Amino acid sequence: MTSNGNKAPEFYENHKFDPVLSAIGPGENRQKEEVENSSVEEKEGGSRPVKKKAGFYLSTDLLDRFTRKFHELKLAGVTIENKSTFIEAALSFALDDIDKGKGSRVLKKLEK
């Protein structure tokens, strides 16, 4: 005779699974849910913006140059928190340059 105290867990829900909503979230509430579901590191810091891991590829030469420059700055005593702070600053400058339009050095580099 088996005991009813050891019931198998219920793995199936009563509603249909929507893979799109699972991937992108429910829309306008998505940002709020991302903050609620973010890691402890992302939540700490109060007024700091929420951060999200980016997924893209960089050439090995550029990545090596970036890493070398980061360490050179640290050794030179530049107050730089981490590589994320460094790349955010560089990306911000690049985007500001692109906003200049025809005079943009970044756009000229992309046109080569």
PDB file of N, CA and C in Angstrom:
ATOM      1  N   MET A   1       0.829  -1.172   0.000  1.00  0.00           N
ATOM      2  CA  MET A   1       0.000   0.000   0.000  1.00  0.00           C
ATOM      3  C   MET A   1       0.880   1.245   0.000  1.00  0.00           C
ATOM      4  N   THR A   2       0.558   2.218  -0.852  1.00  0.00           N
ATOM      5  CA  THR A   2       1.360   3.442  -0.930  1.00  0.00           C
ATOM      6  C   THR A   2       0.729   4.551  -0.118  1.00  0.00           C
ATOM      7  N   SER A   3       1.573   5.450   0.325  1.00  0.00           N
ATOM      8  CA  SER A   3       1.116   6.587   1.115  1.00  0.00           C
ATOM      9  C   SER A   3       0.730   7.739   0.201  1.00  0.00           C
ATOM     10  N   ASN A   4      -0.349   8.455   0.525  1.00  0.00           N
ATOM     11  CA  ASN A   4      -0.762   9.621  -0.258  1.00  0.00           C
ATOM     12  C   ASN A   4       0.099  10.848   0.057  1.00  0.00           C
ATOM     13  N   GLY A   5       0.979  10.790   1.035  1.00  0.00           N
ATOM     14  CA  GLY A   5       1.824  11.910   1.414  1.00  0.00           C
ATOM     15  C   GLY A   5       2.946  12.177   0.418  1.00  0.00           C
ATOM     16  N   ASN A   6       3.248  11.228  -0.448  1.00  0.00           N
ATOM     17  CA  ASN A   6       4.338  11.371  -1.415  1.00  0.00           C
ATOM     18  C   ASN A   6       3.787  11.492  -2.833  1.00  0.00           C
ATOM     19  N   LYS A   7       2.917  12.472  -3.051  1.00  0.00           N
ATOM     20  CA  LYS A   7       2.352  12.665  -4.388  1.00  0.00           C
ATOM     21  C   LYS A   7       3.391  13.249  -5.324  1.00  0.00           C
ATOM     22  N   ALA A   8       3.309  12.877  -6.580  1.00  0.00           N
ATOM     23  CA  ALA A   8       4.206  13.432  -7.591  1.00  0.00           C
ATOM     24  C   ALA A   8       3.863  14.904  -7.814  1.00  0.00           C
ATOM     25  N   PRO A   9       4.866  15.753  -8.056  1.00  0.00           N
ATOM     26  CA  PRO A   9       4.590  17.170  -8.285  1.00  0.00           C
ATOM     27  C   PRO A   9       3.834  17.375  -9.590  1.00  0.00           C
ATOM     28  N   GLU A  10       3.033  18.425  -9.649  1.00  0.00           N
ATOM     29  CA  GLU A  10       2.262  18.765 -10.839  1.00  0.00           C
ATOM     30  C   GLU A  10       3.130  19.646 -11.734  1.00  0.00           C
ATOM     31  N   PHE A  11       3.509  19.132 -12.907  1.00  0.00           N
ATOM     32  CA  PHE A  11       4.371  19.875 -13.817  1.00  0.00           C
ATOM     33  C   PHE A  11       3.590  20.605 -14.906  1.00  0.00           C
ATOM     34  N   TYR A  12       2.344  20.322 -15.060  1.00  0.00           N
ATOM     35  CA  TYR A  12       1.573  20.914 -16.134  1.00  0.00           C
ATOM     36  C   TYR A  12       0.663  21.999 -15.587  1.00  0.00           C
ATOM     37  N   GLU A  13       0.599  23.118 -16.317  1.00  0.00           N
ATOM     38  CA  GLU A  13      -0.251  24.221 -15.907  1.00  0.00           C
ATOM     39  C   GLU A  13      -1.542  24.171 -16.719  1.00  0.00           C
ATOM     40  N   ASN A  14      -2.544  24.893 -16.254  1.00  0.00           N
ATOM     41  CA  ASN A  14      -3.843  24.869 -16.910  1.00  0.00           C
ATOM     42  C   ASN A  14      -3.905  25.768 -18.143  1.00  0.00           C
ATOM     43  N   HIS A  15      -2.921  26.644 -18.373  1.00  0.00           N
ATOM     44  CA  HIS A  15      -2.965  27.522 -19.533  1.00  0.00           C
ATOM     45  C   HIS A  15      -1.912  27.105 -20.554  1.00  0.00           C
ATOM     46  N   LYS A  16      -2.121  27.556 -21.798  1.00  0.00           N
ATOM     47  CA  LYS A  16      -1.205  27.186 -22.868  1.00  0.00           C
ATOM     48  C   LYS A  16       0.115  27.926 -22.741  1.00  0.00           C
ATOM     49  N   PHE A  17       1.167  27.295 -23.163  1.00  0.00           N
ATOM     50  CA  PHE A  17       2.505  27.861 -23.163  1.00  0.00           C
ATOM     51  C   PHE A  17       2.675  28.735 -24.401  1.00  0.00           C
ATOM     52  N   ASP A  18       3.106  29.985 -24.209  1.00  0.00           N
ATOM     53  CA  ASP A  18       3.348  30.900 -25.321  1.00  0.00           C
ATOM     54  C   ASP A  18       4.848  31.175 -25.402  1.00  0.00           C
ATOM     55  N   PRO A  19       5.558  30.580 -26.378  1.00  0.00           N
ATOM     56  CA  PRO A  19       7.008  30.750 -26.445  1.00  0.00           C
ATOM     57  C   PRO A  19       7.436  32.193 -26.698  1.00  0.00           C
ATOM     58  N   VAL A  20       6.640  32.976 -27.420  1.00  0.00           N
ATOM     59  CA  VAL A  20       6.994  34.371 -27.690  1.00  0.00           C
ATOM     60  C   VAL A  20       6.952  35.181 -26.401  1.00  0.00           C
ATOM     61  N   LEU A  21       5.864  35.036 -25.634  1.00  0.00           N
ATOM     62  CA  LEU A  21       5.782  35.753 -24.368  1.00  0.00           C
ATOM     63  C   LEU A  21       6.871  35.301 -23.405  1.00  0.00           C
ATOM     64  N   SER A  22       7.240  34.048 -23.469  1.00  0.00           N
ATOM     65  CA  SER A  22       8.311  33.560 -22.612  1.00  0.00           C
ATOM     66  C   SER A  22       9.639  34.207 -22.986  1.00  0.00           C
ATOM     67  N   ALA A  23       9.837  34.453 -24.280  1.00  0.00           N
ATOM     68  CA  ALA A  23      11.091  35.034 -24.744  1.00  0.00           C
ATOM     69  C   ALA A  23      11.174  36.535 -24.520  1.00  0.00           C
ATOM     70  N   ILE A  24      10.078  37.266 -24.789  1.00  0.00           N
ATOM     71  CA  ILE A  24      10.151  38.731 -24.734  1.00  0.00           C
ATOM     72  C   ILE A  24       9.387  39.344 -23.585  1.00  0.00           C
ATOM     73  N   GLY A  25       8.594  38.563 -22.890  1.00  0.00           N
ATOM     74  CA  GLY A  25       7.828  39.109 -21.776  1.00  0.00           C
ATOM     75  C   GLY A  25       6.513  39.708 -22.248  1.00  0.00           C
ATOM     76  N   PRO A  26       5.701  40.199 -21.326  1.00  0.00           N
ATOM     77  CA  PRO A  26       4.355  40.650 -21.651  1.00  0.00           C
ATOM     78  C   PRO A  26       4.242  42.085 -22.164  1.00  0.00           C
ATOM     79  N   GLY A  27       5.312  42.736 -22.557  1.00  0.00           N
ATOM     80  CA  GLY A  27       5.208  44.070 -23.137  1.00  0.00           C
ATOM     81  C   GLY A  27       5.544  45.171 -22.171  1.00  0.00           C
ATOM     82  N   GLU A  28       4.570  46.053 -21.898  1.00  0.00           N
ATOM     83  CA  GLU A  28       4.835  47.259 -21.121  1.00  0.00           C
ATOM     84  C   GLU A  28       5.352  46.976 -19.716  1.00  0.00           C
ATOM     85  N   ASN A  29       5.033  45.839 -19.162  1.00  0.00           N
ATOM     86  CA  ASN A  29       5.501  45.500 -17.819  1.00  0.00           C
ATOM     87  C   ASN A  29       6.850  44.787 -17.843  1.00  0.00           C
ATOM     88  N   ARG A  30       7.395  44.567 -19.049  1.00  0.00           N
ATOM     89  CA  ARG A  30       8.611  43.791 -19.185  1.00  0.00           C
ATOM     90  C   ARG A  30       9.777  44.433 -18.428  1.00  0.00           C
ATOM     91  N   GLN A  31       9.971  45.765 -18.547  1.00  0.00           N
ATOM     92  CA  GLN A  31      11.093  46.409 -17.876  1.00  0.00           C
ATOM     93  C   GLN A  31      10.985  46.255 -16.367  1.00  0.00           C
ATOM     94  N   LYS A  32       9.779  46.411 -15.819  1.00  0.00           N
ATOM     95  CA  LYS A  32       9.579  46.249 -14.382  1.00  0.00           C
ATOM     96  C   LYS A  32       9.918  44.830 -13.954  1.00  0.00           C
ATOM     97  N   GLU A  33       9.487  43.841 -14.750  1.00  0.00           N
ATOM     98  CA  GLU A  33       9.772  42.455 -14.415  1.00  0.00           C
ATOM     99  C   GLU A  33      11.258  42.157 -14.531  1.00  0.00           C
ATOM    100  N   GLU A  34      11.948  42.771 -15.522  1.00  0.00           N
ATOM    101  CA  GLU A  34      13.379  42.552 -15.660  1.00  0.00           C
ATOM    102  C   GLU A  34      14.107  43.044 -14.426  1.00  0.00           C
ATOM    103  N   VAL A  35      13.692  44.186 -13.896  1.00  0.00           N
ATOM    104  CA  VAL A  35      14.312  44.721 -12.689  1.00  0.00           C
ATOM    105  C   VAL A  35      14.030  43.789 -11.519  1.00  0.00           C
ATOM    106  N   GLU A  36      12.786  43.325 -11.399  1.00  0.00           N
ATOM    107  CA  GLU A  36      12.428  42.434 -10.299  1.00  0.00           C
ATOM    108  C   GLU A  36      13.168  41.113 -10.393  1.00  0.00           C
ATOM    109  N   ASN A  37      13.428  40.635 -11.626  1.00  0.00           N
ATOM    110  CA  ASN A  37      14.073  39.351 -11.812  1.00  0.00           C
ATOM    111  C   ASN A  37      15.581  39.469 -11.994  1.00  0.00           C
ATOM    112  N   SER A  38      16.127  40.673 -11.901  1.00  0.00           N
ATOM    113  CA  SER A  38      17.552  40.856 -12.129  1.00  0.00           C
ATOM    114  C   SER A  38      18.349  40.329 -10.940  1.00  0.00           C
ATOM    115  N   SER A  39      19.633  40.153 -11.189  1.00  0.00           N
ATOM    116  CA  SER A  39      20.494  39.612 -10.144  1.00  0.00           C
ATOM    117  C   SER A  39      20.716  40.624  -9.036  1.00  0.00           C
ATOM    118  N   VAL A  40      21.272  40.164  -7.951  1.00  0.00           N
ATOM    119  CA  VAL A  40      21.553  41.025  -6.800  1.00  0.00           C
ATOM    120  C   VAL A  40      22.489  42.152  -7.223  1.00  0.00           C
ATOM    121  N   GLU A  41      23.487  41.836  -8.055  1.00  0.00           N
ATOM    122  CA  GLU A  41      24.439  42.849  -8.488  1.00  0.00           C
ATOM    123  C   GLU A  41      23.725  43.972  -9.245  1.00  0.00           C
ATOM    124  N   GLU A  42      22.727  43.634 -10.056  1.00  0.00           N
ATOM    125  CA  GLU A  42      22.009  44.639 -10.821  1.00  0.00           C
ATOM    126  C   GLU A  42      21.093  45.473  -9.935  1.00  0.00           C
ATOM    127  N   LYS A  43      20.542  44.876  -8.864  1.00  0.00           N
ATOM    128  CA  LYS A  43      19.607  45.582  -8.001  1.00  0.00           C
ATOM    129  C   LYS A  43      20.316  46.519  -7.038  1.00  0.00           C
ATOM    130  N   GLU A  44      21.510  46.156  -6.600  1.00  0.00           N
ATOM    131  CA  GLU A  44      22.226  46.982  -5.637  1.00  0.00           C
ATOM    132  C   GLU A  44      22.670  48.272  -6.297  1.00  0.00           C
ATOM    133  N   GLY A  45      22.855  49.303  -5.501  1.00  0.00           N
ATOM    134  CA  GLY A  45      23.357  50.556  -6.038  1.00  0.00           C
ATOM    135  C   GLY A  45      22.287  51.616  -6.126  1.00  0.00           C
ATOM    136  N   GLY A  46      21.056  51.287  -5.868  1.00  0.00           N
ATOM    137  CA  GLY A  46      19.983  52.268  -5.805  1.00  0.00           C
ATOM    138  C   GLY A  46      19.761  53.038  -7.079  1.00  0.00           C
ATOM    139  N   SER A  47      20.422  54.198  -7.231  1.00  0.00           N
ATOM    140  CA  SER A  47      20.142  55.079  -8.350  1.00  0.00           C
ATOM    141  C   SER A  47      20.880  54.684  -9.624  1.00  0.00           C
ATOM    142  N   ARG A  48      21.748  53.689  -9.553  1.00  0.00           N
ATOM    143  CA  ARG A  48      22.458  53.274 -10.760  1.00  0.00           C
ATOM    144  C   ARG A  48      21.486  52.619 -11.733  1.00  0.00           C
ATOM    145  N   PRO A  49      21.713  52.796 -13.032  1.00  0.00           N
ATOM    146  CA  PRO A  49      20.810  52.183 -14.004  1.00  0.00           C
ATOM    147  C   PRO A  49      20.925  50.660 -13.996  1.00  0.00           C
ATOM    148  N   VAL A  50      19.850  50.009 -14.356  1.00  0.00           N
ATOM    149  CA  VAL A  50      19.839  48.556 -14.460  1.00  0.00           C
ATOM    150  C   VAL A  50      20.734  48.171 -15.625  1.00  0.00           C
ATOM    151  N   LYS A  51      21.523  47.158 -15.439  1.00  0.00           N
ATOM    152  CA  LYS A  51      22.431  46.715 -16.487  1.00  0.00           C
ATOM    153  C   LYS A  51      21.996  45.361 -17.008  1.00  0.00           C
ATOM    154  N   LYS A  52      22.328  45.122 -18.256  1.00  0.00           N
ATOM    155  CA  LYS A  52      21.970  43.869 -18.897  1.00  0.00           C
ATOM    156  C   LYS A  52      23.187  43.373 -19.674  1.00  0.00           C
ATOM    157  N   LYS A  53      23.449  42.107 -19.599  1.00  0.00           N
ATOM    158  CA  LYS A  53      24.591  41.530 -20.300  1.00  0.00           C
ATOM    159  C   LYS A  53      24.350  41.609 -21.805  1.00  0.00           C
ATOM    160  N   ALA A  54      25.370  42.044 -22.528  1.00  0.00           N
ATOM    161  CA  ALA A  54      25.275  42.167 -23.988  1.00  0.00           C
ATOM    162  C   ALA A  54      25.934  40.959 -24.637  1.00  0.00           C
ATOM    163  N   GLY A  55      25.394  40.540 -25.739  1.00  0.00           N
ATOM    164  CA  GLY A  55      25.958  39.404 -26.443  1.00  0.00           C
ATOM    165  C   GLY A  55      26.304  39.756 -27.873  1.00  0.00           C
ATOM    166  N   PHE A  56      27.576  40.025 -28.136  1.00  0.00           N
ATOM    167  CA  PHE A  56      28.033  40.300 -29.492  1.00  0.00           C
ATOM    168  C   PHE A  56      29.502  39.934 -29.574  1.00  0.00           C
ATOM    169  N   TYR A  57      30.024  39.889 -30.779  1.00  0.00           N
ATOM    170  CA  TYR A  57      31.395  39.460 -30.996  1.00  0.00           C
ATOM    171  C   TYR A  57      32.298  40.647 -31.303  1.00  0.00           C
ATOM    172  N   LEU A  58      33.541  40.561 -30.845  1.00  0.00           N
ATOM    173  CA  LEU A  58      34.572  41.554 -31.146  1.00  0.00           C
ATOM    174  C   LEU A  58      35.761  40.812 -31.747  1.00  0.00           C
ATOM    175  N   SER A  59      36.490  41.487 -32.625  1.00  0.00           N
ATOM    176  CA  SER A  59      37.686  40.857 -33.172  1.00  0.00           C
ATOM    177  C   SER A  59      38.681  40.646 -32.037  1.00  0.00           C
ATOM    178  N   THR A  60      39.505  39.632 -32.165  1.00  0.00           N
ATOM    179  CA  THR A  60      40.475  39.348 -31.111  1.00  0.00           C
ATOM    180  C   THR A  60      41.469  40.489 -30.966  1.00  0.00           C
ATOM    181  N   ASP A  61      41.839  41.130 -32.083  1.00  0.00           N
ATOM    182  CA  ASP A  61      42.773  42.260 -32.014  1.00  0.00           C
ATOM    183  C   ASP A  61      42.180  43.410 -31.211  1.00  0.00           C
ATOM    184  N   LEU A  62      40.910  43.736 -31.473  1.00  0.00           N
ATOM    185  CA  LEU A  62      40.264  44.832 -30.755  1.00  0.00           C
ATOM    186  C   LEU A  62      40.077  44.480 -29.284  1.00  0.00           C
ATOM    187  N   LEU A  63      39.709  43.252 -29.011  1.00  0.00           N
ATOM    188  CA  LEU A  63      39.530  42.818 -27.628  1.00  0.00           C
ATOM    189  C   LEU A  63      40.855  42.855 -26.861  1.00  0.00           C
ATOM    190  N   ASP A  64      41.931  42.423 -27.506  1.00  0.00           N
ATOM    191  CA  ASP A  64      43.250  42.484 -26.870  1.00  0.00           C
ATOM    192  C   ASP A  64      43.656  43.932 -26.612  1.00  0.00           C
ATOM    193  N   ARG A  65      43.418  44.791 -27.589  1.00  0.00           N
ATOM    194  CA  ARG A  65      43.745  46.217 -27.430  1.00  0.00           C
ATOM    195  C   ARG A  65      42.944  46.837 -26.291  1.00  0.00           C
ATOM    196  N   PHE A  66      41.641  46.504 -26.222  1.00  0.00           N
ATOM    197  CA  PHE A  66      40.768  47.001 -25.166  1.00  0.00           C
ATOM    198  C   PHE A  66      41.269  46.553 -23.785  1.00  0.00           C
ATOM    199  N   THR A  67      41.578  45.280 -23.652  1.00  0.00           N
ATOM    200  CA  THR A  67      42.049  44.729 -22.374  1.00  0.00           C
ATOM    201  C   THR A  67      43.382  45.355 -21.967  1.00  0.00           C
ATOM    202  N   ARG A  68      44.283  45.487 -22.934  1.00  0.00           N
ATOM    203  CA  ARG A  68      45.584  46.092 -22.646  1.00  0.00           C
ATOM    204  C   ARG A  68      45.421  47.543 -22.189  1.00  0.00           C
ATOM    205  N   LYS A  69      44.575  48.304 -22.875  1.00  0.00           N
ATOM    206  CA  LYS A  69      44.346  49.709 -22.512  1.00  0.00           C
ATOM    207  C   LYS A  69      43.685  49.815 -21.143  1.00  0.00           C
ATOM    208  N   PHE A  70      42.765  48.923 -20.831  1.00  0.00           N
ATOM    209  CA  PHE A  70      42.127  48.916 -19.517  1.00  0.00           C
ATOM    210  C   PHE A  70      43.180  48.764 -18.416  1.00  0.00           C
ATOM    211  N   HIS A  71      44.077  47.794 -18.584  1.00  0.00           N
ATOM    212  CA  HIS A  71      45.103  47.549 -17.573  1.00  0.00           C
ATOM    213  C   HIS A  71      46.115  48.692 -17.519  1.00  0.00           C
ATOM    214  N   GLU A  72      46.441  49.295 -18.664  1.00  0.00           N
ATOM    215  CA  GLU A  72      47.336  50.459 -18.672  1.00  0.00           C
ATOM    216  C   GLU A  72      46.722  51.608 -17.872  1.00  0.00           C
ATOM    217  N   LEU A  73      45.437  51.832 -18.049  1.00  0.00           N
ATOM    218  CA  LEU A  73      44.753  52.894 -17.310  1.00  0.00           C
ATOM    219  C   LEU A  73      44.757  52.612 -15.812  1.00  0.00           C
ATOM    220  N   LYS A  74      44.501  51.370 -15.447  1.00  0.00           N
ATOM    221  CA  LYS A  74      44.516  50.997 -14.028  1.00  0.00           C
ATOM    222  C   LYS A  74      45.908  51.228 -13.424  1.00  0.00           C
ATOM    223  N   LEU A  75      46.947  50.820 -14.150  1.00  0.00           N
ATOM    224  CA  LEU A  75      48.316  50.988 -13.652  1.00  0.00           C
ATOM    225  C   LEU A  75      48.721  52.460 -13.577  1.00  0.00           C
ATOM    226  N   ALA A  76      48.116  53.280 -14.456  1.00  0.00           N
ATOM    227  CA  ALA A  76      48.415  54.714 -14.457  1.00  0.00           C
ATOM    228  C   ALA A  76      47.650  55.449 -13.358  1.00  0.00           C
ATOM    229  N   GLY A  77      46.814  54.732 -12.630  1.00  0.00           N
ATOM    230  CA  GLY A  77      46.086  55.333 -11.519  1.00  0.00           C
ATOM    231  C   GLY A  77      44.772  55.983 -11.906  1.00  0.00           C
ATOM    232  N   VAL A  78      44.298  55.734 -13.122  1.00  0.00           N
ATOM    233  CA  VAL A  78      42.997  56.269 -13.540  1.00  0.00           C
ATOM    234  C   VAL A  78      41.914  55.553 -12.755  1.00  0.00           C
ATOM    235  N   THR A  79      40.985  56.323 -12.218  1.00  0.00           N
ATOM    236  CA  THR A  79      39.893  55.735 -11.451  1.00  0.00           C
ATOM    237  C   THR A  79      38.883  55.140 -12.433  1.00  0.00           C
ATOM    238  N   ILE A  80      38.980  53.848 -12.628  1.00  0.00           N
ATOM    239  CA  ILE A  80      38.077  53.135 -13.536  1.00  0.00           C
ATOM    240  C   ILE A  80      37.615  51.882 -12.806  1.00  0.00           C
ATOM    241  N   GLU A  81      36.313  51.789 -12.615  1.00  0.00           N
ATOM    242  CA  GLU A  81      35.743  50.735 -11.772  1.00  0.00           C
ATOM    243  C   GLU A  81      35.985  49.333 -12.328  1.00  0.00           C
ATOM    244  N   ASN A  82      35.643  49.149 -13.599  1.00  0.00           N
ATOM    245  CA  ASN A  82      35.764  47.827 -14.215  1.00  0.00           C
ATOM    246  C   ASN A  82      35.694  47.969 -15.731  1.00  0.00           C
ATOM    247  N   LYS A  83      35.817  46.854 -16.442  1.00  0.00           N
ATOM    248  CA  LYS A  83      35.798  46.890 -17.908  1.00  0.00           C
ATOM    249  C   LYS A  83      34.443  47.354 -18.439  1.00  0.00           C
ATOM    250  N   SER A  84      33.374  47.035 -17.728  1.00  0.00           N
ATOM    251  CA  SER A  84      32.047  47.478 -18.164  1.00  0.00           C
ATOM    252  C   SER A  84      31.958  49.003 -18.163  1.00  0.00           C
ATOM    253  N   THR A  85      32.511  49.636 -17.142  1.00  0.00           N
ATOM    254  CA  THR A  85      32.517  51.091 -17.070  1.00  0.00           C
ATOM    255  C   THR A  85      33.313  51.676 -18.233  1.00  0.00           C
ATOM    256  N   PHE A  86      34.432  51.052 -18.537  1.00  0.00           N
ATOM    257  CA  PHE A  86      35.284  51.510 -19.633  1.00  0.00           C
ATOM    258  C   PHE A  86      34.563  51.387 -20.975  1.00  0.00           C
ATOM    259  N   ILE A  87      33.946  50.248 -21.235  1.00  0.00           N
ATOM    260  CA  ILE A  87      33.275  50.055 -22.524  1.00  0.00           C
ATOM    261  C   ILE A  87      32.043  50.946 -22.631  1.00  0.00           C
ATOM    262  N   GLU A  88      31.348  51.193 -21.517  1.00  0.00           N
ATOM    263  CA  GLU A  88      30.195  52.097 -21.545  1.00  0.00           C
ATOM    264  C   GLU A  88      30.633  53.508 -21.927  1.00  0.00           C
ATOM    265  N   ALA A  89      31.756  53.967 -21.373  1.00  0.00           N
ATOM    266  CA  ALA A  89      32.261  55.300 -21.707  1.00  0.00           C
ATOM    267  C   ALA A  89      32.639  55.377 -23.184  1.00  0.00           C
ATOM    268  N   ALA A  90      33.353  54.360 -23.680  1.00  0.00           N
ATOM    269  CA  ALA A  90      33.764  54.345 -25.081  1.00  0.00           C
ATOM    270  C   ALA A  90      32.557  54.293 -26.016  1.00  0.00           C
ATOM    271  N   LEU A  91      31.588  53.480 -25.683  1.00  0.00           N
ATOM    272  CA  LEU A  91      30.389  53.367 -26.507  1.00  0.00           C
ATOM    273  C   LEU A  91      29.576  54.656 -26.489  1.00  0.00           C
ATOM    274  N   SER A  92      29.512  55.293 -25.345  1.00  0.00           N
ATOM    275  CA  SER A  92      28.808  56.564 -25.226  1.00  0.00           C
ATOM    276  C   SER A  92      29.448  57.625 -26.122  1.00  0.00           C
ATOM    277  N   PHE A  93      30.793  57.698 -26.098  1.00  0.00           N
ATOM    278  CA  PHE A  93      31.492  58.637 -26.978  1.00  0.00           C
ATOM    279  C   PHE A  93      31.230  58.316 -28.445  1.00  0.00           C
ATOM    280  N   ALA A  94      31.247  57.035 -28.803  1.00  0.00           N
ATOM    281  CA  ALA A  94      31.014  56.635 -30.189  1.00  0.00           C
ATOM    282  C   ALA A  94      29.606  57.017 -30.639  1.00  0.00           C
ATOM    283  N   LEU A  95      28.615  56.791 -29.784  1.00  0.00           N
ATOM    284  CA  LEU A  95      27.235  57.132 -30.136  1.00  0.00           C
ATOM    285  C   LEU A  95      27.049  58.643 -30.240  1.00  0.00           C
ATOM    286  N   ASP A  96      27.702  59.400 -29.354  1.00  0.00           N
ATOM    287  CA  ASP A  96      27.652  60.863 -29.445  1.00  0.00           C
ATOM    288  C   ASP A  96      28.274  61.335 -30.751  1.00  0.00           C
ATOM    289  N   ASP A  97      29.359  60.688 -31.161  1.00  0.00           N
ATOM    290  CA  ASP A  97      30.014  61.038 -32.425  1.00  0.00           C
ATOM    291  C   ASP A  97      29.103  60.737 -33.616  1.00  0.00           C
ATOM    292  N   ILE A  98      28.430  59.602 -33.584  1.00  0.00           N
ATOM    293  CA  ILE A  98      27.518  59.233 -34.677  1.00  0.00           C
ATOM    294  C   ILE A  98      26.388  60.248 -34.794  1.00  0.00           C
ATOM    295  N   ASP A  99      25.937  60.792 -33.656  1.00  0.00           N
ATOM    296  CA  ASP A  99      24.873  61.791 -33.665  1.00  0.00           C
ATOM    297  C   ASP A  99      25.277  63.077 -34.385  1.00  0.00           C
ATOM    298  N   LYS A 100      26.567  63.296 -34.606  1.00  0.00           N
ATOM    299  CA  LYS A 100      27.042  64.487 -35.316  1.00  0.00           C
ATOM    300  C   LYS A 100      26.694  64.450 -36.798  1.00  0.00           C
ATOM    301  N   GLY A 101      26.394  63.264 -37.304  1.00  0.00           N
ATOM    302  CA  GLY A 101      26.017  63.147 -38.717  1.00  0.00           C
ATOM    303  C   GLY A 101      27.222  63.065 -39.640  1.00  0.00           C
ATOM    304  N   LYS A 102      27.257  63.930 -40.646  1.00  0.00           N
ATOM    305  CA  LYS A 102      28.305  63.867 -41.681  1.00  0.00           C
ATOM    306  C   LYS A 102      29.712  64.037 -41.123  1.00  0.00           C
ATOM    307  N   GLY A 103      29.873  64.741 -40.029  1.00  0.00           N
ATOM    308  CA  GLY A 103      31.194  64.950 -39.439  1.00  0.00           C
ATOM    309  C   GLY A 103      31.640  63.826 -38.522  1.00  0.00           C
ATOM    310  N   SER A 104      30.883  62.767 -38.448  1.00  0.00           N
ATOM    311  CA  SER A 104      31.162  61.665 -37.526  1.00  0.00           C
ATOM    312  C   SER A 104      32.375  60.849 -37.960  1.00  0.00           C
ATOM    313  N   ARG A 105      33.325  60.693 -37.062  1.00  0.00           N
ATOM    314  CA  ARG A 105      34.490  59.850 -37.337  1.00  0.00           C
ATOM    315  C   ARG A 105      34.097  58.372 -37.372  1.00  0.00           C
ATOM    316  N   VAL A 106      33.129  57.994 -36.535  1.00  0.00           N
ATOM    317  CA  VAL A 106      32.685  56.593 -36.504  1.00  0.00           C
ATOM    318  C   VAL A 106      32.012  56.227 -37.828  1.00  0.00           C
ATOM    319  N   LEU A 107      31.141  57.107 -38.329  1.00  0.00           N
ATOM    320  CA  LEU A 107      30.481  56.820 -39.609  1.00  0.00           C
ATOM    321  C   LEU A 107      31.491  56.718 -40.742  1.00  0.00           C
ATOM    322  N   LYS A 108      32.517  57.557 -40.726  1.00  0.00           N
ATOM    323  CA  LYS A 108      33.572  57.473 -41.749  1.00  0.00           C
ATOM    324  C   LYS A 108      34.286  56.135 -41.671  1.00  0.00           C
ATOM    325  N   LYS A 109      34.524  55.653 -40.456  1.00  0.00           N
ATOM    326  CA  LYS A 109      35.185  54.363 -40.256  1.00  0.00           C
ATOM    327  C   LYS A 109      34.301  53.214 -40.761  1.00  0.00           C
ATOM    328  N   LEU A 110      32.992  53.333 -40.566  1.00  0.00           N
ATOM    329  CA  LEU A 110      32.061  52.290 -41.012  1.00  0.00           C
ATOM    330  C   LEU A 110      31.929  52.253 -42.527  1.00  0.00           C
ATOM    331  N   GLU A 111      32.153  53.387 -43.190  1.00  0.00           N
ATOM    332  CA  GLU A 111      32.009  53.467 -44.646  1.00  0.00           C
ATOM    333  C   GLU A 111      33.196  52.849 -45.387  1.00  0.00           C
ATOM    334  N   LYS A 112      34.297  52.575 -44.704  1.00  0.00           N
ATOM    335  CA  LYS A 112      35.492  52.009 -45.366  1.00  0.00           C
ATOM    336  C   LYS A 112      35.244  50.636 -45.894  1.00  0.00           C
TER     337      LYS A 112
END
